[in-house]
C-alpha atoms as a PDB file:
ATOM      1  CA  MET A   1      -0.037   0.028  -0.158  1.00  0.00           C
ATOM      2  CA  ASN A   2       1.127   3.587  -0.626  1.00  0.00           C
ATOM      3  CA  ALA A   3       1.885   5.984   1.984  1.00  0.00           C
ATOM      4  CA  LEU A   4      -0.107   9.122   2.110  1.00  0.00           C
ATOM      5  CA  PRO A   5       1.523  12.191   0.596  1.00  0.00           C
ATOM      6  CA  SER A   6       2.478  15.000   3.480  1.00  0.00           C
ATOM      7  CA  ILE A   7      -0.779  16.719   4.351  1.00  0.00           C
ATOM      8  CA  ALA A   8       0.319  19.828   2.691  1.00  0.00           C
ATOM      9  CA  LYS A   9       0.512  17.899  -0.592  1.00  0.00           C
ATOM     10  CA  ASP A  10      -2.518  15.661  -0.203  1.00  0.00           C
ATOM     11  CA  PRO A  11      -4.809  16.463  -3.265  1.00  0.00           C
ATOM     12  CA  ASP A  12      -7.709  14.803  -1.375  1.00  0.00           C
ATOM     13  CA  SER A  13      -9.191  18.122   0.216  1.00  0.00           C
ATOM     14  CA  ARG A  14     -11.816  16.356   2.485  1.00  0.00           C
ATOM     15  CA  ARG A  15      -9.032  13.947   3.530  1.00  0.00           C
ATOM     16  CA  ARG A  16      -6.418  16.761   4.117  1.00  0.00           C
ATOM     17  CA  LEU A  17      -9.046  18.864   6.334  1.00  0.00           C
ATOM     18  CA  GLU A  18      -9.322  15.913   8.389  1.00  0.00           C
ATOM     19  CA  ARG A  19      -5.823  15.273   8.835  1.00  0.00           C
ATOM     20  CA  LEU A  20      -5.398  19.038   9.459  1.00  0.00           C
ATOM     21  CA  ARG A  21      -8.140  19.172  12.281  1.00  0.00           C
ATOM     22  CA  GLU A  22      -6.266  16.047  13.770  1.00  0.00           C
ATOM     23  CA  LEU A  23      -2.818  17.358  13.244  1.00  0.00           C
ATOM     24  CA  ASN A  24      -3.696  20.498  15.305  1.00  0.00           C
ATOM     25  CA  PHE A  25      -5.574  18.488  18.166  1.00  0.00           C
ATOM     26  CA  VAL A  26      -2.827  16.018  18.571  1.00  0.00           C
ATOM     27  CA  HIS A  27      -0.246  18.790  18.378  1.00  0.00           C
ATOM     28  CA  GLY A  28      -1.906  20.831  21.371  1.00  0.00           C
ATOM     29  CA  CYS A  29      -2.681  23.680  19.157  1.00  0.00           C
ATOM     30  CA  ARG A  30      -5.464  26.085  20.853  1.00  0.00           C
ATOM     31  CA  GLU A  31      -7.373  29.145  19.740  1.00  0.00           C
ATOM     32  CA  PHE A  32      -8.585  31.622  22.188  1.00  0.00           C
ATOM     33  CA  ALA A  33     -11.171  34.572  21.895  1.00  0.00           C
ATOM     34  CA  LYS A  34      -8.878  37.182  23.332  1.00  0.00           C
ATOM     35  CA  ARG A  35      -5.739  38.182  21.966  1.00  0.00           C
ATOM     36  CA  ARG A  36      -4.034  38.355  25.370  1.00  0.00           C
ATOM     37  CA  ASP A  37      -4.805  34.996  26.272  1.00  0.00           C
ATOM     38  CA  GLY A  38      -3.239  33.217  22.999  1.00  0.00           C
ATOM     39  CA  MET A  39      -0.311  35.596  23.442  1.00  0.00           C
ATOM     40  CA  ILE A  40       0.282  34.059  27.474  1.00  0.00           C
ATOM     41  CA  HIS A  41      -0.177  30.345  26.251  1.00  0.00           C
ATOM     42  CA  ALA A  42       2.434  31.171  23.299  1.00  0.00           C
ATOM     43  CA  MET A  43       4.690  32.687  25.868  1.00  0.00           C
ATOM     44  CA  ASP A  44       4.129  29.568  28.045  1.00  0.00           C
ATOM     45  CA  GLY A  45       5.429  27.323  24.975  1.00  0.00           C
ATOM     46  CA  GLY A  46       1.813  26.267  23.896  1.00  0.00           C
ATOM     47  CA  LEU A  47       0.815  26.468  20.139  1.00  0.00           C
ATOM     48  CA  TRP A  48      -1.696  29.204  19.552  1.00  0.00           C
ATOM     49  CA  LEU A  49      -3.881  29.355  16.433  1.00  0.00           C
ATOM     50  CA  HIS A  50      -4.303  32.662  15.627  1.00  0.00           C
ATOM     51  CA  ARG A  51      -6.749  33.801  12.900  1.00  0.00           C
ATOM     52  CA  HIS A  52      -6.587  36.705  11.089  1.00  0.00           C
ATOM     53  CA  VAL A  53      -7.249  38.377   7.409  1.00  0.00           C
ATOM     54  CA  TRP A  54      -4.123  39.263   5.280  1.00  0.00           C
ATOM     55  CA  LEU A  55      -4.685  40.973   1.917  1.00  0.00           C
ATOM     56  CA  GLY A  56      -7.879  39.699   1.801  1.00  0.00           C
ATOM     57  CA  GLN A  57      -7.379  36.266   2.749  1.00  0.00           C
ATOM     58  CA  PRO A  58      -7.710  34.216   6.015  1.00  0.00           C
ATOM     59  CA  LEU A  59      -4.817  33.378   7.237  1.00  0.00           C
ATOM     60  CA  VAL A  60      -3.685  31.559  10.737  1.00  0.00           C
ATOM     61  CA  HIS A  61      -0.554  32.228  12.563  1.00  0.00           C
ATOM     62  CA  LEU A  62       0.732  29.240  14.618  1.00  0.00           C
ATOM     63  CA  VAL A  63       2.783  30.959  17.005  1.00  0.00           C
ATOM     64  CA  SER A  64       5.129  29.675  20.032  1.00  0.00           C
ATOM     65  CA  THR A  65       8.052  30.806  22.111  1.00  0.00           C
ATOM     66  CA  ASP A  66       8.951  26.676  21.913  1.00  0.00           C
ATOM     67  CA  ARG A  67      10.778  26.749  18.264  1.00  0.00           C
ATOM     68  CA  ALA A  68      11.369  23.042  18.721  1.00  0.00           C
ATOM     69  CA  ARG A  69       7.253  22.484  18.892  1.00  0.00           C
ATOM     70  CA  LEU A  70       6.621  24.758  15.935  1.00  0.00           C
ATOM     71  CA  VAL A  71       9.271  22.464  13.938  1.00  0.00           C
ATOM     72  CA  ALA A  72       7.824  19.129  14.919  1.00  0.00           C
ATOM     73  CA  TYR A  73       4.614  20.511  13.656  1.00  0.00           C
ATOM     74  CA  GLY A  74       6.211  21.745  10.338  1.00  0.00           C
ATOM     75  CA  GLU A  75       7.548  18.477   9.733  1.00  0.00           C
ATOM     76  CA  ALA A  76       4.263  16.808  10.398  1.00  0.00           C
ATOM     77  CA  LEU A  77       2.458  18.935   7.962  1.00  0.00           C
ATOM     78  CA  GLY A  78       5.135  18.557   5.417  1.00  0.00           C
ATOM     79  CA  VAL A  79       6.251  21.993   4.994  1.00  0.00           C
ATOM     80  CA  PRO A  80      10.130  23.552   4.583  1.00  0.00           C
ATOM     81  CA  LEU A  81      11.520  24.758   7.430  1.00  0.00           C
ATOM     82  CA  THR A  82      12.602  27.539   5.672  1.00  0.00           C
ATOM     83  CA  ARG A  83       8.863  29.043   6.068  1.00  0.00           C
ATOM     84  CA  LEU A  84       9.086  28.927   9.677  1.00  0.00           C
ATOM     85  CA  GLN A  85       9.275  32.897  10.564  1.00  0.00           C
ATOM     86  CA  TYR A  86      11.172  34.394  13.436  1.00  0.00           C
ATOM     87  CA  LYS A  87       9.409  37.194  15.418  1.00  0.00           C
ATOM     88  CA  PRO A  88      10.269  38.585  18.931  1.00  0.00           C
ATOM     89  CA  LEU A  89       7.259  39.458  20.905  1.00  0.00           C
ATOM     90  CA  LYS A  90       6.116  41.363  23.680  1.00  0.00           C
ATOM     91  CA  ASP A  91       5.026  39.008  26.699  1.00  0.00           C
ATOM     92  CA  PRO A  92       1.944  41.088  27.676  1.00  0.00           C
ATOM     93  CA  ARG A  93       2.549  39.915  31.471  1.00  0.00           C
ATOM     94  CA  THR A  94       5.884  41.563  31.317  1.00  0.00           C
ATOM     95  CA  ASN A  95       6.040  43.762  28.510  1.00  0.00           C
ATOM     96  CA  GLN A  96       9.766  42.162  27.845  1.00  0.00           C
ATOM     97  CA  ARG A  97      10.649  41.183  24.199  1.00  0.00           C
ATOM     98  CA  ARG A  98      10.682  37.499  23.779  1.00  0.00           C
ATOM     99  CA  GLU A  99      12.201  35.122  21.065  1.00  0.00           C
ATOM    100  CA  ALA A 100       8.922  33.461  19.341  1.00  0.00           C
ATOM    101  CA  TRP A 101       8.330  31.814  15.887  1.00  0.00           C
ATOM    102  CA  HIS A 102       5.321  31.510  13.717  1.00  0.00           C
ATOM    103  CA  TRP A 103       3.942  29.241  10.739  1.00  0.00           C
ATOM    104  CA  ASP A 104       1.809  31.131   8.245  1.00  0.00           C
ATOM    105  CA  LEU A 105      -1.105  28.660   7.702  1.00  0.00           C
ATOM    106  CA  GLY A 106      -3.149  29.435   4.642  1.00  0.00           C
ATOM    107  CA  GLY A 107      -4.627  28.258   1.396  1.00  0.00           C
ATOM    108  CA  PRO A 108      -4.420  24.133   1.385  1.00  0.00           C
ATOM    109  CA  VAL A 109      -2.934  24.195   5.082  1.00  0.00           C
ATOM    110  CA  TYR A 110      -5.381  26.564   6.130  1.00  0.00           C
ATOM    111  CA  PRO A 111      -6.637  25.012   9.691  1.00  0.00           C
ATOM    112  CA  PRO A 112     -10.445  24.102   9.940  1.00  0.00           C
ATOM    113  CA  HIS A 113     -12.316  25.463  13.049  1.00  0.00           C
ATOM    114  CA  ASP A 114     -12.433  22.623  15.566  1.00  0.00           C
ATOM    115  CA  ALA A 115     -14.344  23.360  18.807  1.00  0.00           C
ATOM    116  CA  ARG A 116     -11.914  20.714  20.760  1.00  0.00           C
ATOM    117  CA  LEU A 117      -9.278  23.393  20.297  1.00  0.00           C
ATOM    118  CA  GLU A 118     -11.118  26.879  21.564  1.00  0.00           C
ATOM    119  CA  ASN A 119     -10.330  27.952  25.037  1.00  0.00           C
END
């Protein structure tokens, strides 16, 4: 039996969405109604799914101070490490800048909504 393609390259959109949903759940990604709560989660090393619109298109930043955790997610998704972006962020609890990274997730790897990830 042939192995499945990476999630990012899976041509079956229904299967790709289900695989994305499971990947986000297994990796402990979380969404928050309040941006500050998401930032705190990311500052504590969690994976924060931050939805927004960029150039009229829906996009998700998957943000964390835990680079290794983000790298593992990217490997499981099948995106090149060169797409991981470094951007120091201000911790809302201390106002101190901290090292942080994020993936831009859009198009075929735009994470579907999943109530299990909401806080």
